Amino acid sequence: LASEWGSSKGGLSTINRKLAIHLAKFSEVEITFFVPQCSEGDK
């Protein structure tokens, strides 16, 4: 669960994104980032 993909809302957003990126490196894991809204660039 996330408020955004970027870091405009502060440190929580930054940690959330970095955590997702590193967990996604595991081939046995499928990561979904669930946000209220985002841009096509974010996707």
Full PDB file with SEQRES, HELIX, SHEET, SSBOND, CRYST1, ORIGX, SCALE, CONECT and MASTER records, all heavy atoms in Angstrom:
SEQRES   1 A   43  LEU ALA SER GLU TRP GLY SER SER LYS GLY GLY LEU SER          
SEQRES   2 A   43  THR ILE ASN ARG LYS LEU ALA ILE HIS LEU ALA LYS PHE          
SEQRES   3 A   43  SER GLU VAL GLU ILE THR PHE PHE VAL PRO GLN CYS SER          
SEQRES   4 A   43  GLU GLY ASP LYS                                              
HELIX    1 AA1 GLY A   11  LEU A   23  1                                  13    
CRYST1    1.000    1.000    1.000  90.00  90.00  90.00 P 1           1          
ORIGX1      1.000000  0.000000  0.000000        0.00000                         
ORIGX2      0.000000  1.000000  0.000000        0.00000                         
ORIGX3      0.000000  0.000000  1.000000        0.00000                         
SCALE1      1.000000  0.000000  0.000000        0.00000                         
SCALE2      0.000000  1.000000  0.000000        0.00000                         
SCALE3      0.000000  0.000000  1.000000        0.00000                         
ATOM      1  N   LEU A   1       0.841  -1.188   0.000  1.00  0.00           N  
ATOM      2  CA  LEU A   1       0.000   0.000   0.000  1.00  0.00           C  
ATOM      3  C   LEU A   1       0.881   1.245   0.000  1.00  0.00           C  
ATOM      4  O   LEU A   1       1.834   1.335   0.764  1.00  0.00           O  
ATOM      5  CB  LEU A   1      -0.912   0.006   1.230  1.00  0.00           C  
ATOM      6  CG  LEU A   1      -1.782  -1.244   1.428  1.00  0.00           C  
ATOM      7  CD1 LEU A   1      -2.673  -1.064   2.654  1.00  0.00           C  
ATOM      8  CD2 LEU A   1      -2.632  -1.523   0.191  1.00  0.00           C  
ATOM      9  N   ALA A   2       0.544   2.203  -0.855  1.00  0.00           N  
ATOM     10  CA  ALA A   2       1.390   3.390  -0.996  1.00  0.00           C  
ATOM     11  C   ALA A   2       0.554   4.603  -1.375  1.00  0.00           C  
ATOM     12  O   ALA A   2      -0.500   4.473  -2.003  1.00  0.00           O  
ATOM     13  CB  ALA A   2       2.464   3.151  -2.052  1.00  0.00           C  
ATOM     14  N   SER A   3       1.020   5.789  -0.992  1.00  0.00           N  
ATOM     15  CA  SER A   3       0.335   7.023  -1.367  1.00  0.00           C  
ATOM     16  C   SER A   3       0.797   7.525  -2.722  1.00  0.00           C  
ATOM     17  O   SER A   3       0.106   8.301  -3.373  1.00  0.00           O  
ATOM     18  CB  SER A   3       0.572   8.109  -0.307  1.00  0.00           C  
ATOM     19  OG  SER A   3       1.960   8.320  -0.105  1.00  0.00           O  
ATOM     20  N   GLU A   4       1.982   7.058  -3.173  1.00  0.00           N  
ATOM     21  CA  GLU A   4       2.536   7.489  -4.459  1.00  0.00           C  
ATOM     22  C   GLU A   4       3.710   6.591  -4.818  1.00  0.00           C  
ATOM     23  O   GLU A   4       4.217   5.847  -3.983  1.00  0.00           O  
ATOM     24  CB  GLU A   4       3.027   8.936  -4.361  1.00  0.00           C  
ATOM     25  CG  GLU A   4       4.122   9.117  -3.304  1.00  0.00           C  
ATOM     26  CD  GLU A   4       4.689  10.519  -3.245  1.00  0.00           C  
ATOM     27  OE1 GLU A   4       4.406  11.324  -4.160  1.00  0.00           O  
ATOM     28  OE2 GLU A   4       5.418  10.805  -2.274  1.00  0.00           O  
ATOM     29  N   TRP A   5       4.161   6.692  -6.069  1.00  0.00           N  
ATOM     30  CA  TRP A   5       5.360   5.982  -6.488  1.00  0.00           C  
ATOM     31  C   TRP A   5       6.607   6.823  -6.195  1.00  0.00           C  
ATOM     32  O   TRP A   5       7.639   6.304  -5.818  1.00  0.00           O  
ATOM     33  CB  TRP A   5       5.303   5.656  -7.975  1.00  0.00           C  
ATOM     34  CG  TRP A   5       6.597   5.124  -8.529  1.00  0.00           C  
ATOM     35  CD1 TRP A   5       7.493   5.766  -9.332  1.00  0.00           C  
ATOM     36  CD2 TRP A   5       7.149   3.809  -8.298  1.00  0.00           C  
ATOM     37  NE1 TRP A   5       8.568   4.953  -9.629  1.00  0.00           N  
ATOM     38  CE2 TRP A   5       8.387   3.737  -9.007  1.00  0.00           C  
ATOM     39  CE3 TRP A   5       6.741   2.697  -7.567  1.00  0.00           C  
ATOM     40  CZ2 TRP A   5       9.197   2.601  -8.999  1.00  0.00           C  
ATOM     41  CZ3 TRP A   5       7.550   1.565  -7.564  1.00  0.00           C  
ATOM     42  CH2 TRP A   5       8.756   1.522  -8.270  1.00  0.00           C  
ATOM     43  N   GLY A   6       6.510   8.116  -6.353  1.00  0.00           N  
ATOM     44  CA  GLY A   6       7.647   9.000  -6.155  1.00  0.00           C  
ATOM     45  C   GLY A   6       7.909   9.325  -4.697  1.00  0.00           C  
ATOM     46  O   GLY A   6       7.542   8.561  -3.797  1.00  0.00           O  
ATOM     47  N   SER A   7       8.549  10.495  -4.460  1.00  0.00           N  
ATOM     48  CA  SER A   7       8.924  10.882  -3.093  1.00  0.00           C  
ATOM     49  C   SER A   7       8.403  12.248  -2.705  1.00  0.00           C  
ATOM     50  O   SER A   7       8.916  12.865  -1.774  1.00  0.00           O  
ATOM     51  CB  SER A   7      10.461  10.875  -2.965  1.00  0.00           C  
ATOM     52  OG  SER A   7      10.981   9.580  -3.103  1.00  0.00           O  
ATOM     53  N   SER A   8       7.359  12.730  -3.377  1.00  0.00           N  
ATOM     54  CA  SER A   8       6.877  14.086  -3.098  1.00  0.00           C  
ATOM     55  C   SER A   8       6.248  14.206  -1.718  1.00  0.00           C  
ATOM     56  O   SER A   8       6.125  15.300  -1.181  1.00  0.00           O  
ATOM     57  CB  SER A   8       5.864  14.518  -4.170  1.00  0.00           C  
ATOM     58  OG  SER A   8       4.668  13.761  -4.072  1.00  0.00           O  
ATOM     59  N   LYS A   9       5.844  13.088  -1.116  1.00  0.00           N  
ATOM     60  CA  LYS A   9       5.185  13.121   0.191  1.00  0.00           C  
ATOM     61  C   LYS A   9       6.123  12.736   1.341  1.00  0.00           C  
ATOM     62  O   LYS A   9       5.687  12.516   2.457  1.00  0.00           O  
ATOM     63  CB  LYS A   9       3.946  12.226   0.186  1.00  0.00           C  
ATOM     64  CG  LYS A   9       2.910  12.631  -0.863  1.00  0.00           C  
ATOM     65  CD  LYS A   9       1.658  11.781  -0.777  1.00  0.00           C  
ATOM     66  CE  LYS A   9       0.710  12.064  -1.936  1.00  0.00           C  
ATOM     67  NZ  LYS A   9       0.329  13.463  -2.050  1.00  0.00           N  
ATOM     68  N   GLY A  10       7.425  12.648   1.060  1.00  0.00           N  
ATOM     69  CA  GLY A  10       8.374  12.453   2.151  1.00  0.00           C  
ATOM     70  C   GLY A  10       9.016  11.081   2.235  1.00  0.00           C  
ATOM     71  O   GLY A  10       8.937  10.263   1.314  1.00  0.00           O  
ATOM     72  N   GLY A  11       9.635  10.841   3.393  1.00  0.00           N  
ATOM     73  CA  GLY A  11      10.463   9.661   3.589  1.00  0.00           C  
ATOM     74  C   GLY A  11       9.727   8.342   3.533  1.00  0.00           C  
ATOM     75  O   GLY A  11      10.273   7.337   3.062  1.00  0.00           O  
ATOM     76  N   LEU A  12       8.480   8.301   4.004  1.00  0.00           N  
ATOM     77  CA  LEU A  12       7.720   7.060   3.959  1.00  0.00           C  
ATOM     78  C   LEU A  12       7.582   6.576   2.512  1.00  0.00           C  
ATOM     79  O   LEU A  12       7.751   5.392   2.225  1.00  0.00           O  
ATOM     80  CB  LEU A  12       6.340   7.251   4.599  1.00  0.00           C  
ATOM     81  CG  LEU A  12       5.509   5.996   4.877  1.00  0.00           C  
ATOM     82  CD1 LEU A  12       4.526   6.257   6.016  1.00  0.00           C  
ATOM     83  CD2 LEU A  12       4.729   5.548   3.645  1.00  0.00           C  
ATOM     84  N   SER A  13       7.292   7.507   1.606  1.00  0.00           N  
ATOM     85  CA  SER A  13       7.156   7.153   0.190  1.00  0.00           C  
ATOM     86  C   SER A  13       8.469   6.627  -0.368  1.00  0.00           C  
ATOM     87  O   SER A  13       8.496   5.669  -1.150  1.00  0.00           O  
ATOM     88  CB  SER A  13       6.707   8.378  -0.619  1.00  0.00           C  
ATOM     89  OG  SER A  13       5.426   8.811  -0.220  1.00  0.00           O  
ATOM     90  N   THR A  14       9.572   7.251   0.031  1.00  0.00           N  
ATOM     91  CA  THR A  14      10.888   6.832  -0.453  1.00  0.00           C  
ATOM     92  C   THR A  14      11.206   5.410  -0.010  1.00  0.00           C  
ATOM     93  O   THR A  14      11.625   4.565  -0.812  1.00  0.00           O  
ATOM     94  CB  THR A  14      11.979   7.791   0.060  1.00  0.00           C  
ATOM     95  OG1 THR A  14      11.698   9.119  -0.406  1.00  0.00           O  
ATOM     96  CG2 THR A  14      13.346   7.369  -0.434  1.00  0.00           C  
ATOM     97  N   ILE A  15      11.015   5.131   1.271  1.00  0.00           N  
ATOM     98  CA  ILE A  15      11.292   3.791   1.793  1.00  0.00           C  
ATOM     99  C   ILE A  15      10.373   2.761   1.144  1.00  0.00           C  
ATOM    100  O   ILE A  15      10.809   1.652   0.789  1.00  0.00           O  
ATOM    101  CB  ILE A  15      11.134   3.772   3.328  1.00  0.00           C  
ATOM    102  CG1 ILE A  15      12.260   4.573   3.976  1.00  0.00           C  
ATOM    103  CG2 ILE A  15      11.125   2.335   3.859  1.00  0.00           C  
ATOM    104  CD1 ILE A  15      12.160   4.694   5.477  1.00  0.00           C  
ATOM    105  N   ASN A  16       9.110   3.112   0.964  1.00  0.00           N  
ATOM    106  CA  ASN A  16       8.143   2.210   0.355  1.00  0.00           C  
ATOM    107  C   ASN A  16       8.596   1.778  -1.041  1.00  0.00           C  
ATOM    108  O   ASN A  16       8.570   0.595  -1.395  1.00  0.00           O  
ATOM    109  CB  ASN A  16       6.782   2.919   0.261  1.00  0.00           C  
ATOM    110  CG  ASN A  16       5.638   2.011   0.647  1.00  0.00           C  
ATOM    111  OD1 ASN A  16       5.808   0.808   0.840  1.00  0.00           O  
ATOM    112  ND2 ASN A  16       4.460   2.578   0.766  1.00  0.00           N  
ATOM    113  N   ARG A  17       9.018   2.765  -1.843  1.00  0.00           N  
ATOM    114  CA  ARG A  17       9.447   2.472  -3.208  1.00  0.00           C  
ATOM    115  C   ARG A  17      10.715   1.612  -3.218  1.00  0.00           C  
ATOM    116  O   ARG A  17      10.815   0.638  -3.963  1.00  0.00           O  
ATOM    117  CB  ARG A  17       9.682   3.777  -3.969  1.00  0.00           C  
ATOM    118  CG  ARG A  17      10.108   3.567  -5.420  1.00  0.00           C  
ATOM    119  CD  ARG A  17      10.366   4.873  -6.140  1.00  0.00           C  
ATOM    120  NE  ARG A  17      11.514   5.592  -5.610  1.00  0.00           N  
ATOM    121  CZ  ARG A  17      11.427   6.678  -4.836  1.00  0.00           C  
ATOM    122  NH1 ARG A  17      10.256   7.164  -4.517  1.00  0.00           N  
ATOM    123  NH2 ARG A  17      12.526   7.275  -4.397  1.00  0.00           N  
ATOM    124  N   LYS A  18      11.694   1.986  -2.382  1.00  0.00           N  
ATOM    125  CA  LYS A  18      12.940   1.229  -2.353  1.00  0.00           C  
ATOM    126  C   LYS A  18      12.705  -0.209  -1.877  1.00  0.00           C  
ATOM    127  O   LYS A  18      13.316  -1.153  -2.403  1.00  0.00           O  
ATOM    128  CB  LYS A  18      13.939   1.927  -1.426  1.00  0.00           C  
ATOM    129  CG  LYS A  18      14.411   3.275  -1.919  1.00  0.00           C  
ATOM    130  CD  LYS A  18      15.292   3.157  -3.144  1.00  0.00           C  
ATOM    131  CE  LYS A  18      16.629   2.557  -2.835  1.00  0.00           C  
ATOM    132  NZ  LYS A  18      17.550   2.574  -4.006  1.00  0.00           N  
ATOM    133  N   LEU A  19      11.836  -0.376  -0.891  1.00  0.00           N  
ATOM    134  CA  LEU A  19      11.522  -1.715  -0.396  1.00  0.00           C  
ATOM    135  C   LEU A  19      10.906  -2.553  -1.516  1.00  0.00           C  
ATOM    136  O   LEU A  19      11.279  -3.719  -1.711  1.00  0.00           O  
ATOM    137  CB  LEU A  19      10.562  -1.625   0.787  1.00  0.00           C  
ATOM    138  CG  LEU A  19      10.097  -2.943   1.398  1.00  0.00           C  
ATOM    139  CD1 LEU A  19      11.272  -3.725   1.955  1.00  0.00           C  
ATOM    140  CD2 LEU A  19       9.066  -2.690   2.496  1.00  0.00           C  
ATOM    141  N   ALA A  20       9.977  -1.953  -2.259  1.00  0.00           N  
ATOM    142  CA  ALA A  20       9.334  -2.668  -3.366  1.00  0.00           C  
ATOM    143  C   ALA A  20      10.357  -3.087  -4.419  1.00  0.00           C  
ATOM    144  O   ALA A  20      10.341  -4.226  -4.913  1.00  0.00           O  
ATOM    145  CB  ALA A  20       8.265  -1.781  -3.992  1.00  0.00           C  
ATOM    146  N   ILE A  21      11.254  -2.181  -4.763  1.00  0.00           N  
ATOM    147  CA  ILE A  21      12.257  -2.463  -5.799  1.00  0.00           C  
ATOM    148  C   ILE A  21      13.136  -3.636  -5.401  1.00  0.00           C  
ATOM    149  O   ILE A  21      13.423  -4.532  -6.215  1.00  0.00           O  
ATOM    150  CB  ILE A  21      13.103  -1.204  -6.074  1.00  0.00           C  
ATOM    151  CG1 ILE A  21      12.259  -0.149  -6.814  1.00  0.00           C  
ATOM    152  CG2 ILE A  21      14.346  -1.550  -6.896  1.00  0.00           C  
ATOM    153  CD1 ILE A  21      12.931   1.197  -6.958  1.00  0.00           C  
ATOM    154  N   HIS A  22      13.560  -3.665  -4.155  1.00  0.00           N  
ATOM    155  CA  HIS A  22      14.474  -4.735  -3.733  1.00  0.00           C  
ATOM    156  C   HIS A  22      13.754  -6.057  -3.508  1.00  0.00           C  
ATOM    157  O   HIS A  22      14.331  -7.118  -3.783  1.00  0.00           O  
ATOM    158  CB  HIS A  22      15.241  -4.294  -2.491  1.00  0.00           C  
ATOM    159  CG  HIS A  22      16.335  -3.322  -2.800  1.00  0.00           C  
ATOM    160  ND1 HIS A  22      17.570  -3.712  -3.248  1.00  0.00           N  
ATOM    161  CD2 HIS A  22      16.364  -1.963  -2.775  1.00  0.00           C  
ATOM    162  CE1 HIS A  22      18.330  -2.654  -3.463  1.00  0.00           C  
ATOM    163  NE2 HIS A  22      17.623  -1.583  -3.169  1.00  0.00           N  
ATOM    164  N   LEU A  23      12.523  -6.029  -3.053  1.00  0.00           N  
ATOM    165  CA  LEU A  23      11.767  -7.279  -2.930  1.00  0.00           C  
ATOM    166  C   LEU A  23      11.455  -7.863  -4.301  1.00  0.00           C  
ATOM    167  O   LEU A  23      11.413  -9.083  -4.480  1.00  0.00           O  
ATOM    168  CB  LEU A  23      10.467  -7.044  -2.151  1.00  0.00           C  
ATOM    169  CG  LEU A  23      10.597  -6.776  -0.652  1.00  0.00           C  
ATOM    170  CD1 LEU A  23       9.222  -6.531  -0.038  1.00  0.00           C  
ATOM    171  CD2 LEU A  23      11.296  -7.925   0.065  1.00  0.00           C  
ATOM    172  N   ALA A  24      11.250  -6.986  -5.296  1.00  0.00           N  
ATOM    173  CA  ALA A  24      10.909  -7.440  -6.648  1.00  0.00           C  
ATOM    174  C   ALA A  24      12.075  -8.133  -7.337  1.00  0.00           C  
ATOM    175  O   ALA A  24      11.882  -8.796  -8.369  1.00  0.00           O  
ATOM    176  CB  ALA A  24      10.433  -6.250  -7.487  1.00  0.00           C  
ATOM    177  N   LYS A  25      13.286  -7.999  -6.803  1.00  0.00           N  
ATOM    178  CA  LYS A  25      14.441  -8.669  -7.397  1.00  0.00           C  
ATOM    179  C   LYS A  25      14.395 -10.168  -7.167  1.00  0.00           C  
ATOM    180  O   LYS A  25      15.087 -10.929  -7.828  1.00  0.00           O  
ATOM    181  CB  LYS A  25      15.737  -8.082  -6.827  1.00  0.00           C  
ATOM    182  CG  LYS A  25      15.991  -6.640  -7.269  1.00  0.00           C  
ATOM    183  CD  LYS A  25      17.280  -6.099  -6.671  1.00  0.00           C  
ATOM    184  CE  LYS A  25      17.515  -4.656  -7.119  1.00  0.00           C  
ATOM    185  NZ  LYS A  25      18.765  -4.086  -6.532  1.00  0.00           N  
ATOM    186  N   PHE A  26      13.574 -10.595  -6.208  1.00  0.00           N  
ATOM    187  CA  PHE A  26      13.383 -12.021  -5.957  1.00  0.00           C  
ATOM    188  C   PHE A  26      12.453 -12.585  -7.032  1.00  0.00           C  
ATOM    189  O   PHE A  26      11.313 -12.140  -7.166  1.00  0.00           O  
ATOM    190  CB  PHE A  26      12.746 -12.230  -4.587  1.00  0.00           C  
ATOM    191  CG  PHE A  26      13.599 -12.973  -3.612  1.00  0.00           C  
ATOM    192  CD1 PHE A  26      14.256 -12.318  -2.581  1.00  0.00           C  
ATOM    193  CD2 PHE A  26      13.749 -14.342  -3.725  1.00  0.00           C  
ATOM    194  CE1 PHE A  26      15.038 -13.001  -1.663  1.00  0.00           C  
ATOM    195  CE2 PHE A  26      14.528 -15.047  -2.818  1.00  0.00           C  
ATOM    196  CZ  PHE A  26      15.171 -14.374  -1.785  1.00  0.00           C  
ATOM    197  N   SER A  27      12.905 -13.560  -7.800  1.00  0.00           N  
ATOM    198  CA  SER A  27      12.086 -14.115  -8.889  1.00  0.00           C  
ATOM    199  C   SER A  27      10.871 -14.865  -8.369  1.00  0.00           C  
ATOM    200  O   SER A  27       9.913 -15.093  -9.107  1.00  0.00           O  
ATOM    201  CB  SER A  27      12.928 -15.035  -9.774  1.00  0.00           C  
ATOM    202  OG  SER A  27      13.396 -16.156  -9.041  1.00  0.00           O  
ATOM    203  N   GLU A  28      10.901 -15.263  -7.084  1.00  0.00           N  
ATOM    204  CA  GLU A  28       9.776 -15.994  -6.510  1.00  0.00           C  
ATOM    205  C   GLU A  28       8.688 -15.060  -5.969  1.00  0.00           C  
ATOM    206  O   GLU A  28       7.723 -15.517  -5.367  1.00  0.00           O  
ATOM    207  CB  GLU A  28      10.262 -16.899  -5.374  1.00  0.00           C  
ATOM    208  CG  GLU A  28      11.035 -18.121  -5.850  1.00  0.00           C  
ATOM    209  CD  GLU A  28      10.155 -19.121  -6.567  1.00  0.00           C  
ATOM    210  OE1 GLU A  28       8.925 -19.008  -6.476  1.00  0.00           O  
ATOM    211  OE2 GLU A  28      10.701 -20.018  -7.224  1.00  0.00           O  
ATOM    212  N   VAL A  29       8.857 -13.747  -6.187  1.00  0.00           N  
ATOM    213  CA  VAL A  29       7.909 -12.778  -5.637  1.00  0.00           C  
ATOM    214  C   VAL A  29       7.318 -11.914  -6.749  1.00  0.00           C  
ATOM    215  O   VAL A  29       8.009 -11.495  -7.679  1.00  0.00           O  
ATOM    216  CB  VAL A  29       8.606 -11.862  -4.603  1.00  0.00           C  
ATOM    217  CG1 VAL A  29       7.635 -10.827  -4.050  1.00  0.00           C  
ATOM    218  CG2 VAL A  29       9.176 -12.697  -3.466  1.00  0.00           C  
ATOM    219  N   GLU A  30       6.041 -11.657  -6.641  1.00  0.00           N  
ATOM    220  CA  GLU A  30       5.342 -10.765  -7.576  1.00  0.00           C  
ATOM    221  C   GLU A  30       4.842  -9.556  -6.782  1.00  0.00           C  
ATOM    222  O   GLU A  30       4.010  -9.692  -5.889  1.00  0.00           O  
ATOM    223  CB  GLU A  30       4.165 -11.494  -8.222  1.00  0.00           C  
ATOM    224  CG  GLU A  30       3.399 -10.659  -9.232  1.00  0.00           C  
ATOM    225  CD  GLU A  30       2.263 -11.452  -9.850  1.00  0.00           C  
ATOM    226  OE1 GLU A  30       2.545 -12.498 -10.472  1.00  0.00           O  
ATOM    227  OE2 GLU A  30       1.089 -11.043  -9.682  1.00  0.00           O  
ATOM    228  N   ILE A  31       5.381  -8.372  -7.085  1.00  0.00           N  
ATOM    229  CA  ILE A  31       5.071  -7.162  -6.331  1.00  0.00           C  
ATOM    230  C   ILE A  31       4.036  -6.304  -7.055  1.00  0.00           C  
ATOM    231  O   ILE A  31       4.187  -5.978  -8.232  1.00  0.00           O  
ATOM    232  CB  ILE A  31       6.339  -6.318  -6.096  1.00  0.00           C  
ATOM    233  CG1 ILE A  31       7.365  -7.092  -5.268  1.00  0.00           C  
ATOM    234  CG2 ILE A  31       5.982  -4.999  -5.409  1.00  0.00           C  
ATOM    235  CD1 ILE A  31       6.949  -7.344  -3.842  1.00  0.00           C  
ATOM    236  N   THR A  32       2.993  -5.935  -6.315  1.00  0.00           N  
ATOM    237  CA  THR A  32       2.000  -4.976  -6.802  1.00  0.00           C  
ATOM    238  C   THR A  32       2.051  -3.747  -5.904  1.00  0.00           C  
ATOM    239  O   THR A  32       2.035  -3.867  -4.677  1.00  0.00           O  
ATOM    240  CB  THR A  32       0.581  -5.576  -6.774  1.00  0.00           C  
ATOM    241  OG1 THR A  32       0.524  -6.699  -7.660  1.00  0.00           O  
ATOM    242  CG2 THR A  32      -0.452  -4.541  -7.213  1.00  0.00           C  
ATOM    243  N   PHE A  33       2.121  -2.584  -6.501  1.00  0.00           N  
ATOM    244  CA  PHE A  33       2.143  -1.310  -5.786  1.00  0.00           C  
ATOM    245  C   PHE A  33       0.762  -0.695  -5.934  1.00  0.00           C  
ATOM    246  O   PHE A  33       0.354  -0.308  -7.025  1.00  0.00           O  
ATOM    247  CB  PHE A  33       3.215  -0.406  -6.419  1.00  0.00           C  
ATOM    248  CG  PHE A  33       3.969   0.453  -5.447  1.00  0.00           C  
ATOM    249  CD1 PHE A  33       4.778  -0.112  -4.477  1.00  0.00           C  
ATOM    250  CD2 PHE A  33       3.904   1.833  -5.519  1.00  0.00           C  
ATOM    251  CE1 PHE A  33       5.499   0.678  -3.593  1.00  0.00           C  
ATOM    252  CE2 PHE A  33       4.614   2.633  -4.652  1.00  0.00           C  
ATOM    253  CZ  PHE A  33       5.422   2.061  -3.682  1.00  0.00           C  
ATOM    254  N   PHE A  34      -0.007  -0.609  -4.838  1.00  0.00           N  
ATOM    255  CA  PHE A  34      -1.400  -0.155  -4.886  1.00  0.00           C  
ATOM    256  C   PHE A  34      -1.481   1.287  -4.421  1.00  0.00           C  
ATOM    257  O   PHE A  34      -1.180   1.594  -3.263  1.00  0.00           O  
ATOM    258  CB  PHE A  34      -2.253  -1.067  -4.008  1.00  0.00           C  
ATOM    259  CG  PHE A  34      -3.738  -0.833  -4.130  1.00  0.00           C  
ATOM    260  CD1 PHE A  34      -4.329  -0.555  -5.354  1.00  0.00           C  
ATOM    261  CD2 PHE A  34      -4.553  -0.901  -3.006  1.00  0.00           C  
ATOM    262  CE1 PHE A  34      -5.695  -0.347  -5.465  1.00  0.00           C  
ATOM    263  CE2 PHE A  34      -5.920  -0.693  -3.095  1.00  0.00           C  
ATOM    264  CZ  PHE A  34      -6.490  -0.410  -4.330  1.00  0.00           C  
ATOM    265  N   VAL A  35      -1.864   2.186  -5.324  1.00  0.00           N  
ATOM    266  CA  VAL A  35      -1.854   3.627  -5.047  1.00  0.00           C  
ATOM    267  C   VAL A  35      -3.185   4.260  -5.437  1.00  0.00           C  
ATOM    268  O   VAL A  35      -3.936   3.708  -6.252  1.00  0.00           O  
ATOM    269  CB  VAL A  35      -0.724   4.332  -5.824  1.00  0.00           C  
ATOM    270  CG1 VAL A  35       0.633   3.826  -5.390  1.00  0.00           C  
ATOM    271  CG2 VAL A  35      -0.902   4.148  -7.336  1.00  0.00           C  
ATOM    272  N   PRO A  36      -3.513   5.435  -4.873  1.00  0.00           N  
ATOM    273  CA  PRO A  36      -4.743   6.133  -5.258  1.00  0.00           C  
ATOM    274  C   PRO A  36      -4.719   6.563  -6.716  1.00  0.00           C  
ATOM    275  O   PRO A  36      -5.731   6.499  -7.416  1.00  0.00           O  
ATOM    276  CB  PRO A  36      -4.783   7.347  -4.318  1.00  0.00           C  
ATOM    277  CG  PRO A  36      -3.930   6.963  -3.154  1.00  0.00           C  
ATOM    278  CD  PRO A  36      -2.853   6.112  -3.730  1.00  0.00           C  
ATOM    279  N   GLN A  37      -3.554   7.036  -7.181  1.00  0.00           N  
ATOM    280  CA  GLN A  37      -3.403   7.462  -8.570  1.00  0.00           C  
ATOM    281  C   GLN A  37      -1.920   7.578  -8.901  1.00  0.00           C  
ATOM    282  O   GLN A  37      -1.080   7.702  -8.009  1.00  0.00           O  
ATOM    283  CB  GLN A  37      -4.094   8.801  -8.806  1.00  0.00           C  
ATOM    284  CG  GLN A  37      -3.601   9.914  -7.915  1.00  0.00           C  
ATOM    285  CD  GLN A  37      -4.418  11.176  -8.047  1.00  0.00           C  
ATOM    286  OE1 GLN A  37      -5.388  11.226  -8.794  1.00  0.00           O  
ATOM    287  NE2 GLN A  37      -4.021  12.224  -7.332  1.00  0.00           N  
ATOM    288  N   CYS A  38      -1.615   7.529 -10.191  1.00  0.00           N  
ATOM    289  CA  CYS A  38      -0.229   7.681 -10.623  1.00  0.00           C  
ATOM    290  C   CYS A  38      -0.198   8.022 -12.102  1.00  0.00           C  
ATOM    291  O   CYS A  38      -1.220   7.962 -12.790  1.00  0.00           O  
ATOM    292  CB  CYS A  38       0.574   6.404 -10.351  1.00  0.00           C  
ATOM    293  SG  CYS A  38       0.092   5.028 -11.406  1.00  0.00           S  
ATOM    294  N   SER A  39       0.961   8.381 -12.594  1.00  0.00           N  
ATOM    295  CA  SER A  39       1.115   8.738 -14.002  1.00  0.00           C  
ATOM    296  C   SER A  39       1.550   7.522 -14.818  1.00  0.00           C  
ATOM    297  O   SER A  39       1.984   6.511 -14.266  1.00  0.00           O  
ATOM    298  CB  SER A  39       2.160   9.848 -14.145  1.00  0.00           C  
ATOM    299  OG  SER A  39       3.452   9.361 -13.799  1.00  0.00           O  
ATOM    300  N   GLU A  40       1.443   7.646 -16.133  1.00  0.00           N  
ATOM    301  CA  GLU A  40       1.920   6.576 -17.003  1.00  0.00           C  
ATOM    302  C   GLU A  40       3.432   6.431 -16.885  1.00  0.00           C  
ATOM    303  O   GLU A  40       3.972   5.334 -17.010  1.00  0.00           O  
ATOM    304  CB  GLU A  40       1.517   6.868 -18.463  1.00  0.00           C  
ATOM    305  CG  GLU A  40       0.034   6.726 -18.728  1.00  0.00           C  
ATOM    306  CD  GLU A  40      -0.494   5.344 -18.374  1.00  0.00           C  
ATOM    307  OE1 GLU A  40       0.163   4.343 -18.752  1.00  0.00           O  
ATOM    308  OE2 GLU A  40      -1.555   5.254 -17.727  1.00  0.00           O  
ATOM    309  N   GLY A  41       4.119   7.562 -16.638  1.00  0.00           N  
ATOM    310  CA  GLY A  41       5.561   7.503 -16.436  1.00  0.00           C  
ATOM    311  C   GLY A  41       5.929   6.692 -15.211  1.00  0.00           C  
ATOM    312  O   GLY A  41       6.909   5.936 -15.222  1.00  0.00           O  
ATOM    313  N   ASP A  42       5.133   6.845 -14.134  1.00  0.00           N  
ATOM    314  CA  ASP A  42       5.358   6.054 -12.922  1.00  0.00           C  
ATOM    315  C   ASP A  42       5.208   4.561 -13.208  1.00  0.00           C  
ATOM    316  O   ASP A  42       6.018   3.741 -12.765  1.00  0.00           O  
ATOM    317  CB  ASP A  42       4.371   6.460 -11.823  1.00  0.00           C  
ATOM    318  CG  ASP A  42       4.650   7.844 -11.262  1.00  0.00           C  
ATOM    319  OD1 ASP A  42       5.774   8.339 -11.440  1.00  0.00           O  
ATOM    320  OD2 ASP A  42       3.735   8.427 -10.654  1.00  0.00           O  
ATOM    321  N   LYS A  43       4.153   4.223 -13.953  1.00  0.00           N  
ATOM    322  CA  LYS A  43       3.898   2.816 -14.272  1.00  0.00           C  
ATOM    323  C   LYS A  43       5.029   2.222 -15.099  1.00  0.00           C  
ATOM    324  O   LYS A  43       5.470   1.088 -14.868  1.00  0.00           O  
ATOM    325  CB  LYS A  43       2.571   2.679 -15.018  1.00  0.00           C  
ATOM    326  CG  LYS A  43       1.345   2.969 -14.173  1.00  0.00           C  
ATOM    327  CD  LYS A  43       0.066   2.773 -14.978  1.00  0.00           C  
ATOM    328  CE  LYS A  43      -1.170   3.042 -14.112  1.00  0.00           C  
ATOM    329  NZ  LYS A  43      -2.426   2.856 -14.880  1.00  0.00           N  
TER     330      LYS A  43                                                      
MASTER        0    0    0    1    0    0    0    6  329    1    0    4          
END                                                                             
